[in-house]
Amino acid sequence: MFKRISLIFLVLVMFVVVRVVPAYLGQPTAEAFANISPLAALALCGGMMFPTRIAFILTFGTFITSDIILNLKYEQPIINYYSLFLLVLFAVIFTGGYLLRKHRRINVLLGCTIASSLLFYLLLNSVSFFMDPHYTKNMAGWFQANTTGVPGYPPAWLFGIRTLISNSIFALVFYFALSPKSDTLMKAPHLSQTT
């Protein structure tokens, strides 16, 4: 039991570090690693593949801990609209993964990863559109929030691409790490090892 709790704690700390450390390495590093995070993949795969309690602790423990650290770093209130919205998004992704527990196939996982990444991107940029005074509050402003973003910053579409790629990579890593061998491609009969 202690070994299992220690492993869960170690994984939680590792995910927090991956999300938080770039912010402490300066603006160029933070921008380079923006939206490269295992959290959405953890929420989806956790809900789909981990025992419920472990999935809940890892997903929401990682999010809450890293969000508090980031909010303190950027001198934001510990609880703010952005954090609450992200929490709701991760809860939706987690619930989607939980509802797909009986469909643990790689094509289902990749389809859900793409769908949740697009949902995450559109909803988060829509919140930015409504809350950020840099955007005019019309369709052109919403389009800007979802494409070029605020002038002087990397374009919003780049964050979308990073989100999609990193979520897909992390989801595949979780899938192959957590699936029993019979569920993975390694046992497929047409992939015999002949050398």
C-alpha atoms as a PDB file:
ATOM      1  CA  MET A   1       0.000   0.000   0.000  1.00  0.00           C
ATOM      2  CA  PHE A   2       2.805   2.431   0.895  1.00  0.00           C
ATOM      3  CA  LYS A   3       4.593   1.574  -2.359  1.00  0.00           C
ATOM      4  CA  ARG A   4       1.446   2.312  -4.371  1.00  0.00           C
ATOM      5  CA  ILE A   5       0.846   5.649  -2.605  1.00  0.00           C
ATOM      6  CA  SER A   6       4.502   6.573  -3.112  1.00  0.00           C
ATOM      7  CA  LEU A   7       4.264   5.788  -6.821  1.00  0.00           C
ATOM      8  CA  ILE A   8       1.081   7.861  -7.202  1.00  0.00           C
ATOM      9  CA  PHE A   9       2.722  10.751  -5.353  1.00  0.00           C
ATOM     10  CA  LEU A  10       5.850  10.491  -7.523  1.00  0.00           C
ATOM     11  CA  VAL A  11       3.793  10.576 -10.733  1.00  0.00           C
ATOM     12  CA  LEU A  12       1.791  13.551  -9.416  1.00  0.00           C
ATOM     13  CA  VAL A  13       4.996  15.460  -8.612  1.00  0.00           C
ATOM     14  CA  MET A  14       6.430  14.605 -12.034  1.00  0.00           C
ATOM     15  CA  PHE A  15       3.346  15.954 -13.836  1.00  0.00           C
ATOM     16  CA  VAL A  16       3.333  19.110 -11.709  1.00  0.00           C
ATOM     17  CA  VAL A  17       6.994  19.680 -12.571  1.00  0.00           C
ATOM     18  CA  VAL A  18       6.330  19.239 -16.306  1.00  0.00           C
ATOM     19  CA  ARG A  19       3.567  21.853 -16.151  1.00  0.00           C
ATOM     20  CA  VAL A  20       5.226  24.347 -13.783  1.00  0.00           C
ATOM     21  CA  VAL A  21       8.989  24.361 -14.450  1.00  0.00           C
ATOM     22  CA  PRO A  22       8.882  26.116 -17.860  1.00  0.00           C
ATOM     23  CA  ALA A  23       7.184  29.129 -16.238  1.00  0.00           C
ATOM     24  CA  TYR A  24      10.131  29.500 -13.841  1.00  0.00           C
ATOM     25  CA  LEU A  25      12.758  29.294 -16.597  1.00  0.00           C
ATOM     26  CA  GLY A  26      11.858  32.666 -18.105  1.00  0.00           C
ATOM     27  CA  GLN A  27       9.481  34.029 -20.719  1.00  0.00           C
ATOM     28  CA  PRO A  28      11.107  32.458 -23.824  1.00  0.00           C
ATOM     29  CA  THR A  29      11.037  28.998 -22.254  1.00  0.00           C
ATOM     30  CA  ALA A  30       7.496  29.468 -20.962  1.00  0.00           C
ATOM     31  CA  GLU A  31       6.341  30.475 -24.450  1.00  0.00           C
ATOM     32  CA  ALA A  32       8.232  27.601 -26.091  1.00  0.00           C
ATOM     33  CA  PHE A  33       6.542  25.058 -23.806  1.00  0.00           C
ATOM     34  CA  ALA A  34       3.117  26.736 -23.655  1.00  0.00           C
ATOM     35  CA  ASN A  35       0.315  24.196 -24.025  1.00  0.00           C
ATOM     36  CA  ILE A  36       2.689  21.236 -23.885  1.00  0.00           C
ATOM     37  CA  SER A  37       1.329  19.447 -20.868  1.00  0.00           C
ATOM     38  CA  PRO A  38       0.191  15.940 -19.954  1.00  0.00           C
ATOM     39  CA  LEU A  39      -2.913  17.173 -18.101  1.00  0.00           C
ATOM     40  CA  ALA A  40      -5.598  16.701 -20.767  1.00  0.00           C
ATOM     41  CA  ALA A  41      -4.165  13.308 -21.740  1.00  0.00           C
ATOM     42  CA  LEU A  42      -3.975  12.392 -18.053  1.00  0.00           C
ATOM     43  CA  ALA A  43      -7.624  13.379 -17.592  1.00  0.00           C
ATOM     44  CA  LEU A  44      -8.755  11.342 -20.614  1.00  0.00           C
ATOM     45  CA  CYS A  45      -6.539   8.293 -20.038  1.00  0.00           C
ATOM     46  CA  GLY A  46      -6.942   8.484 -16.282  1.00  0.00           C
ATOM     47  CA  GLY A  47     -10.700   8.389 -16.584  1.00  0.00           C
ATOM     48  CA  MET A  48     -10.462   5.605 -19.162  1.00  0.00           C
ATOM     49  CA  MET A  49      -7.717   3.364 -17.750  1.00  0.00           C
ATOM     50  CA  PHE A  50      -6.830   4.030 -14.092  1.00  0.00           C
ATOM     51  CA  PRO A  51      -8.803   2.844 -11.090  1.00  0.00           C
ATOM     52  CA  THR A  52     -11.259   5.667 -10.360  1.00  0.00           C
ATOM     53  CA  ARG A  53      -9.737   6.911  -7.097  1.00  0.00           C
ATOM     54  CA  ILE A  54      -6.182   6.970  -8.455  1.00  0.00           C
ATOM     55  CA  ALA A  55      -7.358   8.650 -11.661  1.00  0.00           C
ATOM     56  CA  PHE A  56      -9.215  11.303  -9.699  1.00  0.00           C
ATOM     57  CA  ILE A  57      -6.299  12.012  -7.353  1.00  0.00           C
ATOM     58  CA  LEU A  58      -3.725  12.170 -10.164  1.00  0.00           C
ATOM     59  CA  THR A  59      -5.820  14.242 -12.558  1.00  0.00           C
ATOM     60  CA  PHE A  60      -7.227  16.801 -10.164  1.00  0.00           C
ATOM     61  CA  GLY A  61      -4.343  16.723  -7.676  1.00  0.00           C
ATOM     62  CA  THR A  62      -1.918  17.530 -10.495  1.00  0.00           C
ATOM     63  CA  PHE A  63      -4.139  20.274 -11.882  1.00  0.00           C
ATOM     64  CA  ILE A  64      -4.915  21.970  -8.562  1.00  0.00           C
ATOM     65  CA  THR A  65      -1.336  21.792  -7.267  1.00  0.00           C
ATOM     66  CA  SER A  66       0.253  23.080 -10.478  1.00  0.00           C
ATOM     67  CA  ASP A  67      -2.420  25.748 -10.951  1.00  0.00           C
ATOM     68  CA  ILE A  68      -1.859  27.132  -7.454  1.00  0.00           C
ATOM     69  CA  ILE A  69       1.900  27.280  -8.082  1.00  0.00           C
ATOM     70  CA  LEU A  70       1.413  28.977 -11.481  1.00  0.00           C
ATOM     71  CA  ASN A  71      -1.133  31.461 -10.112  1.00  0.00           C
ATOM     72  CA  LEU A  72       1.288  32.420  -7.346  1.00  0.00           C
ATOM     73  CA  LYS A  73       4.121  32.769  -9.886  1.00  0.00           C
ATOM     74  CA  TYR A  74       2.058  35.072 -12.120  1.00  0.00           C
ATOM     75  CA  GLU A  75       0.601  36.944  -9.118  1.00  0.00           C
ATOM     76  CA  GLN A  76      -2.950  35.870  -9.901  1.00  0.00           C
ATOM     77  CA  PRO A  77      -5.623  34.971  -7.357  1.00  0.00           C
ATOM     78  CA  ILE A  78      -5.315  31.324  -6.397  1.00  0.00           C
ATOM     79  CA  ILE A  79      -8.919  30.806  -7.471  1.00  0.00           C
ATOM     80  CA  ASN A  80      -9.908  32.717 -10.599  1.00  0.00           C
ATOM     81  CA  TYR A  81     -12.288  32.336 -13.538  1.00  0.00           C
ATOM     82  CA  TYR A  82      -9.590  30.880 -15.777  1.00  0.00           C
ATOM     83  CA  SER A  83      -8.609  28.203 -13.239  1.00  0.00           C
ATOM     84  CA  LEU A  84     -12.226  27.280 -12.587  1.00  0.00           C
ATOM     85  CA  PHE A  85     -12.925  27.045 -16.305  1.00  0.00           C
ATOM     86  CA  LEU A  86      -9.886  24.800 -16.817  1.00  0.00           C
ATOM     87  CA  LEU A  87     -11.029  22.636 -13.912  1.00  0.00           C
ATOM     88  CA  VAL A  88     -14.444  22.211 -15.558  1.00  0.00           C
ATOM     89  CA  LEU A  89     -12.816  21.379 -18.926  1.00  0.00           C
ATOM     90  CA  PHE A  90     -10.565  18.744 -17.353  1.00  0.00           C
ATOM     91  CA  ALA A  91     -13.587  17.327 -15.485  1.00  0.00           C
ATOM     92  CA  VAL A  92     -15.473  17.018 -18.804  1.00  0.00           C
ATOM     93  CA  ILE A  93     -12.476  15.285 -20.424  1.00  0.00           C
ATOM     94  CA  PHE A  94     -12.083  13.008 -17.380  1.00  0.00           C
ATOM     95  CA  THR A  95     -15.794  12.114 -17.503  1.00  0.00           C
ATOM     96  CA  GLY A  96     -15.522  11.360 -21.223  1.00  0.00           C
ATOM     97  CA  GLY A  97     -12.642   8.995 -20.507  1.00  0.00           C
ATOM     98  CA  TYR A  98     -14.569   7.383 -17.659  1.00  0.00           C
ATOM     99  CA  LEU A  99     -17.590   6.795 -19.903  1.00  0.00           C
ATOM    100  CA  LEU A 100     -15.314   5.070 -22.442  1.00  0.00           C
ATOM    101  CA  ARG A 101     -13.788   2.552 -19.996  1.00  0.00           C
ATOM    102  CA  LYS A 102     -15.331  -0.364 -21.878  1.00  0.00           C
ATOM    103  CA  HIS A 103     -13.929   0.890 -25.198  1.00  0.00           C
ATOM    104  CA  ARG A 104     -10.185   0.978 -24.501  1.00  0.00           C
ATOM    105  CA  ARG A 105      -9.062   0.784 -28.096  1.00  0.00           C
ATOM    106  CA  ILE A 106      -6.394   2.961 -29.598  1.00  0.00           C
ATOM    107  CA  ASN A 107      -8.686   4.347 -32.307  1.00  0.00           C
ATOM    108  CA  VAL A 108     -11.231   5.399 -29.658  1.00  0.00           C
ATOM    109  CA  LEU A 109      -8.465   6.999 -27.607  1.00  0.00           C
ATOM    110  CA  LEU A 110      -7.036   8.924 -30.572  1.00  0.00           C
ATOM    111  CA  GLY A 111     -10.489  10.058 -31.709  1.00  0.00           C
ATOM    112  CA  CYS A 112     -11.312  11.272 -28.208  1.00  0.00           C
ATOM    113  CA  THR A 113      -7.918  12.940 -27.898  1.00  0.00           C
ATOM    114  CA  ILE A 114      -8.464  14.887 -31.115  1.00  0.00           C
ATOM    115  CA  ALA A 115     -12.046  15.806 -30.149  1.00  0.00           C
ATOM    116  CA  SER A 116     -11.083  16.881 -26.617  1.00  0.00           C
ATOM    117  CA  SER A 117      -8.098  18.884 -27.923  1.00  0.00           C
ATOM    118  CA  LEU A 118     -10.325  20.749 -30.374  1.00  0.00           C
ATOM    119  CA  LEU A 119     -12.970  21.312 -27.702  1.00  0.00           C
ATOM    120  CA  PHE A 120     -10.304  22.538 -25.283  1.00  0.00           C
ATOM    121  CA  TYR A 121      -8.855  24.890 -27.892  1.00  0.00           C
ATOM    122  CA  LEU A 122     -12.155  26.411 -29.014  1.00  0.00           C
ATOM    123  CA  LEU A 123     -13.656  26.779 -25.551  1.00  0.00           C
ATOM    124  CA  LEU A 124     -10.521  28.199 -23.950  1.00  0.00           C
ATOM    125  CA  ASN A 125      -9.995  30.692 -26.763  1.00  0.00           C
ATOM    126  CA  SER A 126     -13.670  31.658 -26.544  1.00  0.00           C
ATOM    127  CA  VAL A 127     -13.229  32.400 -22.840  1.00  0.00           C
ATOM    128  CA  SER A 128     -10.175  34.496 -23.718  1.00  0.00           C
ATOM    129  CA  PHE A 129     -12.266  36.314 -26.322  1.00  0.00           C
ATOM    130  CA  PHE A 130     -14.917  37.221 -23.757  1.00  0.00           C
ATOM    131  CA  MET A 131     -12.517  38.118 -20.925  1.00  0.00           C
ATOM    132  CA  ASP A 132      -9.554  39.738 -22.700  1.00  0.00           C
ATOM    133  CA  PRO A 133     -10.011  43.436 -23.513  1.00  0.00           C
ATOM    134  CA  HIS A 134      -7.644  43.109 -26.524  1.00  0.00           C
ATOM    135  CA  TYR A 135     -10.385  41.432 -28.567  1.00  0.00           C
ATOM    136  CA  THR A 136     -13.274  43.344 -30.123  1.00  0.00           C
ATOM    137  CA  LYS A 137     -16.507  41.702 -29.045  1.00  0.00           C
ATOM    138  CA  ASN A 138     -17.766  40.578 -32.450  1.00  0.00           C
ATOM    139  CA  MET A 139     -17.191  37.649 -34.833  1.00  0.00           C
ATOM    140  CA  ALA A 140     -13.949  39.183 -36.106  1.00  0.00           C
ATOM    141  CA  GLY A 141     -12.645  39.352 -32.515  1.00  0.00           C
ATOM    142  CA  TRP A 142     -13.670  35.746 -31.858  1.00  0.00           C
ATOM    143  CA  PHE A 143     -11.963  34.675 -35.085  1.00  0.00           C
ATOM    144  CA  GLN A 144      -8.827  36.565 -34.015  1.00  0.00           C
ATOM    145  CA  ALA A 145      -8.907  34.836 -30.608  1.00  0.00           C
ATOM    146  CA  ASN A 146      -8.943  31.464 -32.392  1.00  0.00           C
ATOM    147  CA  THR A 147      -6.340  32.211 -35.066  1.00  0.00           C
ATOM    148  CA  THR A 148      -3.794  35.010 -34.651  1.00  0.00           C
ATOM    149  CA  GLY A 149      -4.445  35.852 -31.011  1.00  0.00           C
ATOM    150  CA  VAL A 150      -3.192  39.018 -29.349  1.00  0.00           C
ATOM    151  CA  PRO A 151      -0.505  40.897 -31.322  1.00  0.00           C
ATOM    152  CA  GLY A 152       2.944  40.561 -29.774  1.00  0.00           C
ATOM    153  CA  TYR A 153       2.364  36.962 -28.672  1.00  0.00           C
ATOM    154  CA  PRO A 154       2.665  33.684 -30.565  1.00  0.00           C
ATOM    155  CA  PRO A 155      -0.463  33.001 -32.628  1.00  0.00           C
ATOM    156  CA  ALA A 156      -3.347  31.122 -31.024  1.00  0.00           C
ATOM    157  CA  TRP A 157      -3.333  28.445 -33.743  1.00  0.00           C
ATOM    158  CA  LEU A 158       0.216  27.517 -32.690  1.00  0.00           C
ATOM    159  CA  PHE A 159      -1.041  26.779 -29.178  1.00  0.00           C
ATOM    160  CA  GLY A 160      -3.800  24.671 -30.726  1.00  0.00           C
ATOM    161  CA  ILE A 161      -1.302  22.628 -32.734  1.00  0.00           C
ATOM    162  CA  ARG A 162       0.901  22.168 -29.654  1.00  0.00           C
ATOM    163  CA  THR A 163      -2.113  21.088 -27.618  1.00  0.00           C
ATOM    164  CA  LEU A 164      -3.177  18.540 -30.228  1.00  0.00           C
ATOM    165  CA  ILE A 165       0.319  17.103 -30.718  1.00  0.00           C
ATOM    166  CA  SER A 166       1.265  16.960 -27.028  1.00  0.00           C
ATOM    167  CA  ASN A 167      -2.122  15.500 -26.022  1.00  0.00           C
ATOM    168  CA  SER A 168      -1.786  12.839 -28.727  1.00  0.00           C
ATOM    169  CA  ILE A 169       1.764  11.930 -27.707  1.00  0.00           C
ATOM    170  CA  PHE A 170       0.992  11.824 -23.983  1.00  0.00           C
ATOM    171  CA  ALA A 171      -2.229   9.852 -24.611  1.00  0.00           C
ATOM    172  CA  LEU A 172      -0.350   7.257 -26.672  1.00  0.00           C
ATOM    173  CA  VAL A 173       2.342   6.988 -23.996  1.00  0.00           C
ATOM    174  CA  PHE A 174      -0.327   6.479 -21.319  1.00  0.00           C
ATOM    175  CA  TYR A 175      -2.169   3.985 -23.516  1.00  0.00           C
ATOM    176  CA  PHE A 176       0.860   1.795 -24.171  1.00  0.00           C
ATOM    177  CA  ALA A 177       2.098   2.106 -20.596  1.00  0.00           C
ATOM    178  CA  LEU A 178      -1.262   1.217 -19.039  1.00  0.00           C
ATOM    179  CA  SER A 179      -2.785  -1.284 -21.455  1.00  0.00           C
ATOM    180  CA  PRO A 180      -2.406  -4.972 -20.800  1.00  0.00           C
ATOM    181  CA  LYS A 181      -0.238  -6.519 -23.501  1.00  0.00           C
ATOM    182  CA  SER A 182      -3.264  -8.158 -25.090  1.00  0.00           C
ATOM    183  CA  ASP A 183      -4.724  -4.697 -25.825  1.00  0.00           C
ATOM    184  CA  THR A 184      -1.653  -3.250 -27.508  1.00  0.00           C
ATOM    185  CA  LEU A 185      -0.281  -3.561 -31.001  1.00  0.00           C
ATOM    186  CA  MET A 186       2.602  -5.642 -29.662  1.00  0.00           C
ATOM    187  CA  LYS A 187       0.433  -8.785 -29.608  1.00  0.00           C
ATOM    188  CA  ALA A 188      -1.097  -8.308 -33.042  1.00  0.00           C
ATOM    189  CA  PRO A 189      -0.575 -11.570 -34.980  1.00  0.00           C
ATOM    190  CA  HIS A 190       0.542  -9.816 -38.164  1.00  0.00           C
ATOM    191  CA  LEU A 191       3.481  -8.193 -36.350  1.00  0.00           C
ATOM    192  CA  SER A 192       5.515 -11.321 -35.806  1.00  0.00           C
ATOM    193  CA  GLN A 193       9.154 -10.831 -35.034  1.00  0.00           C
ATOM    194  CA  THR A 194      11.123 -12.335 -37.876  1.00  0.00           C
ATOM    195  CA  THR A 195      14.765 -11.341 -38.089  1.00  0.00           C
END
